[in-house]
C-alpha atoms as a PDB file:
ATOM      1  CA  UNK A   1      89.732 102.936 121.215  1.00  0.00           C
ATOM      2  CA  UNK A   2      93.432 102.711 120.438  1.00  0.00           C
ATOM      3  CA  UNK A   3      94.381 101.439 123.820  1.00  0.00           C
ATOM      4  CA  UNK A   4      91.755  98.754 123.384  1.00  0.00           C
ATOM      5  CA  UNK A   5      93.241  97.763 119.923  1.00  0.00           C
ATOM      6  CA  UNK A   6      96.753  97.546 121.518  1.00  0.00           C
ATOM      7  CA  UNK A   7      95.417  95.438 124.243  1.00  0.00           C
ATOM      8  CA  UNK A   8      93.716  93.045 121.877  1.00  0.00           C
ATOM      9  CA  UNK A   9      96.901  92.942 119.549  1.00  0.00           C
ATOM     10  CA  UNK A  10      99.099  92.126 122.734  1.00  0.00           C
ATOM     11  CA  UNK A  11      96.793  89.445 124.111  1.00  0.00           C
ATOM     12  CA  UNK A  12      96.487  87.906 120.695  1.00  0.00           C
ATOM     13  CA  UNK A  13     100.324  88.008 120.211  1.00  0.00           C
ATOM     14  CA  UNK A  14     100.746  86.290 123.591  1.00  0.00           C
ATOM     15  CA  UNK A  15      98.062  83.634 122.812  1.00  0.00           C
ATOM     16  CA  UNK A  16      99.812  82.890 119.398  1.00  0.00           C
ATOM     17  CA  UNK A  17     103.341  82.611 121.150  1.00  0.00           C
ATOM     18  CA  UNK A  18     101.888  80.380 123.712  1.00  0.00           C
ATOM     19  CA  UNK A  19      99.972  78.308 121.250  1.00  0.00           C
ATOM     20  CA  UNK A  20      96.845  78.992 123.360  1.00  0.00           C
ATOM     21  CA  UNK A  21      94.447  78.187 120.531  1.00  0.00           C
ATOM     22  CA  UNK A  22      91.396  78.730 122.836  1.00  0.00           C
ATOM     23  CA  UNK A  23      92.474  82.310 123.750  1.00  0.00           C
ATOM     24  CA  UNK A  24      93.014  82.942 119.914  1.00  0.00           C
ATOM     25  CA  UNK A  25      89.459  81.977 119.165  1.00  0.00           C
ATOM     26  CA  UNK A  26      88.206  84.219 122.102  1.00  0.00           C
ATOM     27  CA  UNK A  27      90.163  87.185 120.832  1.00  0.00           C
ATOM     28  CA  UNK A  28      88.990  86.619 117.345  1.00  0.00           C
ATOM     29  CA  UNK A  29      85.345  86.566 118.456  1.00  0.00           C
ATOM     30  CA  UNK A  30      85.857  89.840 120.355  1.00  0.00           C
ATOM     31  CA  UNK A  31      87.310  91.340 117.332  1.00  0.00           C
ATOM     32  CA  UNK A  32      84.279  90.294 115.339  1.00  0.00           C
ATOM     33  CA  UNK A  33      81.955  91.718 117.841  1.00  0.00           C
ATOM     34  CA  UNK A  34      84.067  95.087 117.770  1.00  0.00           C
ATOM     35  CA  UNK A  35      83.703  95.156 113.965  1.00  0.00           C
ATOM     36  CA  UNK A  36      79.901  94.960 114.414  1.00  0.00           C
ATOM     37  CA  UNK A  37      79.895  98.270 116.358  1.00  0.00           C
ATOM     38  CA  UNK A  38      82.899 100.047 114.790  1.00  0.00           C
ATOM     39  CA  UNK A  39      81.047 102.349 112.241  1.00  0.00           C
ATOM     40  CA  UNK A  40      78.906 103.709 115.147  1.00  0.00           C
ATOM     41  CA  UNK A  41      82.100 105.300 116.554  1.00  0.00           C
ATOM     42  CA  UNK A  42      82.344 107.558 113.604  1.00  0.00           C
ATOM     43  CA  UNK A  43      78.995 109.600 113.171  1.00  0.00           C
ATOM     44  CA  UNK A  44      79.069 112.531 110.794  1.00  0.00           C
ATOM     45  CA  UNK A  45      80.784 115.383 112.580  1.00  0.00           C
ATOM     46  CA  UNK A  46      82.435 113.467 115.119  1.00  0.00           C
ATOM     47  CA  UNK A  47      86.044 114.680 114.183  1.00  0.00           C
ATOM     48  CA  UNK A  48      87.807 116.282 117.029  1.00  0.00           C
ATOM     49  CA  UNK A  49      91.200 117.754 117.844  1.00  0.00           C
ATOM     50  CA  UNK A  50      92.092 114.446 119.969  1.00  0.00           C
ATOM     51  CA  UNK A  51      91.146 112.110 117.283  1.00  0.00           C
ATOM     52  CA  UNK A  52      93.596 110.459 114.926  1.00  0.00           C
ATOM     53  CA  UNK A  53      90.655 109.829 112.397  1.00  0.00           C
ATOM     54  CA  UNK A  54      91.156 111.425 109.046  1.00  0.00           C
ATOM     55  CA  UNK A  55      88.365 113.513 107.421  1.00  0.00           C
ATOM     56  CA  UNK A  56      88.508 111.078 104.679  1.00  0.00           C
ATOM     57  CA  UNK A  57      86.507 108.654 106.717  1.00  0.00           C
ATOM     58  CA  UNK A  58      83.382 110.777 105.940  1.00  0.00           C
ATOM     59  CA  UNK A  59      84.480 111.828 102.437  1.00  0.00           C
ATOM     60  CA  UNK A  60      84.881 108.233 101.487  1.00  0.00           C
ATOM     61  CA  UNK A  61      82.415 106.608 103.621  1.00  0.00           C
ATOM     62  CA  UNK A  62      81.545 103.857 101.279  1.00  0.00           C
ATOM     63  CA  UNK A  63      85.143 102.664 101.108  1.00  0.00           C
ATOM     64  CA  UNK A  64      85.640 103.144 104.914  1.00  0.00           C
ATOM     65  CA  UNK A  65      82.712 101.047 105.779  1.00  0.00           C
ATOM     66  CA  UNK A  66      83.825  98.104 103.937  1.00  0.00           C
ATOM     67  CA  UNK A  67      86.883  97.692 106.171  1.00  0.00           C
ATOM     68  CA  UNK A  68      85.118  96.245 109.200  1.00  0.00           C
ATOM     69  CA  UNK A  69      83.920  93.267 107.124  1.00  0.00           C
ATOM     70  CA  UNK A  70      87.465  92.682 105.904  1.00  0.00           C
ATOM     71  CA  UNK A  71      88.673  92.666 109.470  1.00  0.00           C
ATOM     72  CA  UNK A  72      85.798  90.490 110.521  1.00  0.00           C
ATOM     73  CA  UNK A  73      86.460  87.926 107.865  1.00  0.00           C
ATOM     74  CA  UNK A  74      90.210  87.828 108.616  1.00  0.00           C
ATOM     75  CA  UNK A  75      89.382  87.251 112.311  1.00  0.00           C
ATOM     76  CA  UNK A  76      86.936  84.441 111.388  1.00  0.00           C
ATOM     77  CA  UNK A  77      89.620  82.708 109.337  1.00  0.00           C
ATOM     78  CA  UNK A  78      92.112  83.009 112.106  1.00  0.00           C
ATOM     79  CA  UNK A  79      89.634  81.647 114.519  1.00  0.00           C
ATOM     80  CA  UNK A  80      89.052  78.601 112.215  1.00  0.00           C
ATOM     81  CA  UNK A  81      92.771  77.906 112.037  1.00  0.00           C
ATOM     82  CA  UNK A  82      92.998  78.270 115.857  1.00  0.00           C
ATOM     83  CA  UNK A  83      90.166  75.868 116.502  1.00  0.00           C
ATOM     84  CA  UNK A  84      91.867  73.272 114.131  1.00  0.00           C
ATOM     85  CA  UNK A  85      94.959  73.882 116.124  1.00  0.00           C
ATOM     86  CA  UNK A  86      96.906  74.418 112.969  1.00  0.00           C
ATOM     87  CA  UNK A  87      99.950  76.545 114.155  1.00  0.00           C
ATOM     88  CA  UNK A  88     101.230  77.317 110.636  1.00  0.00           C
ATOM     89  CA  UNK A  89      97.700  78.350 109.429  1.00  0.00           C
ATOM     90  CA  UNK A  90      97.354  80.609 112.539  1.00  0.00           C
ATOM     91  CA  UNK A  91     100.471  82.473 111.721  1.00  0.00           C
ATOM     92  CA  UNK A  92      99.348  83.139 108.070  1.00  0.00           C
ATOM     93  CA  UNK A  93      95.975  84.083 109.126  1.00  0.00           C
ATOM     94  CA  UNK A  94      97.321  86.307 111.901  1.00  0.00           C
ATOM     95  CA  UNK A  95      99.352  88.255 109.334  1.00  0.00           C
ATOM     96  CA  UNK A  96      96.286  88.506 107.249  1.00  0.00           C
ATOM     97  CA  UNK A  97      94.326  90.022 110.017  1.00  0.00           C
ATOM     98  CA  UNK A  98      97.031  92.513 110.707  1.00  0.00           C
ATOM     99  CA  UNK A  99      97.073  93.466 106.967  1.00  0.00           C
ATOM    100  CA  UNK A 100      93.227  93.996 107.094  1.00  0.00           C
ATOM    101  CA  UNK A 101      93.574  96.258 110.192  1.00  0.00           C
ATOM    102  CA  UNK A 102      96.547  97.957 108.635  1.00  0.00           C
ATOM    103  CA  UNK A 103      94.471  98.682 105.355  1.00  0.00           C
ATOM    104  CA  UNK A 104      92.030 100.777 107.158  1.00  0.00           C
ATOM    105  CA  UNK A 105      94.397 102.466 109.704  1.00  0.00           C
ATOM    106  CA  UNK A 106      96.831 103.603 106.740  1.00  0.00           C
ATOM    107  CA  UNK A 107      94.065 105.019 104.784  1.00  0.00           C
ATOM    108  CA  UNK A 108      91.917 106.663 107.541  1.00  0.00           C
ATOM    109  CA  UNK A 109      93.923 107.323 110.619  1.00  0.00           C
ATOM    110  CA  UNK A 110      96.744 109.844 110.975  1.00  0.00           C
ATOM    111  CA  UNK A 111     100.247 108.573 112.374  1.00  0.00           C
ATOM    112  CA  UNK A 112     100.870 108.764 115.922  1.00  0.00           C
ATOM    113  CA  UNK A 113     102.324 112.168 116.853  1.00  0.00           C
ATOM    114  CA  UNK A 114     106.052 112.005 117.608  1.00  0.00           C
ATOM    115  CA  UNK A 115     107.113 112.229 121.114  1.00  0.00           C
ATOM    116  CA  UNK A 116     109.715 114.870 122.256  1.00  0.00           C
ATOM    117  CA  UNK A 117     113.461 114.449 121.457  1.00  0.00           C
END
């Protein structure tokens, strides 16, 4: 899942840099579709050694389960700005999307392990 997130972020960054509003809309649509399924990736008891998910996901399920809608809404707003071709609004809405993602990741995902020296 993490590699998928990085790929989407990189693709979205490139589309914004290139002012490719159509690609921005497409990526936002993909993000919205992913948010429709995200909670399915966290069934009770699915925590594993390889996962960066925190146990708080299940302990605070009501809070955790609100995050996909926040991300979905931010992606919708970015798509609207892109559809309008509003470069400044795209930058503002992209930042808001990043904050929506970060809100969940900071609360419910452990930091990446540090790589050797």
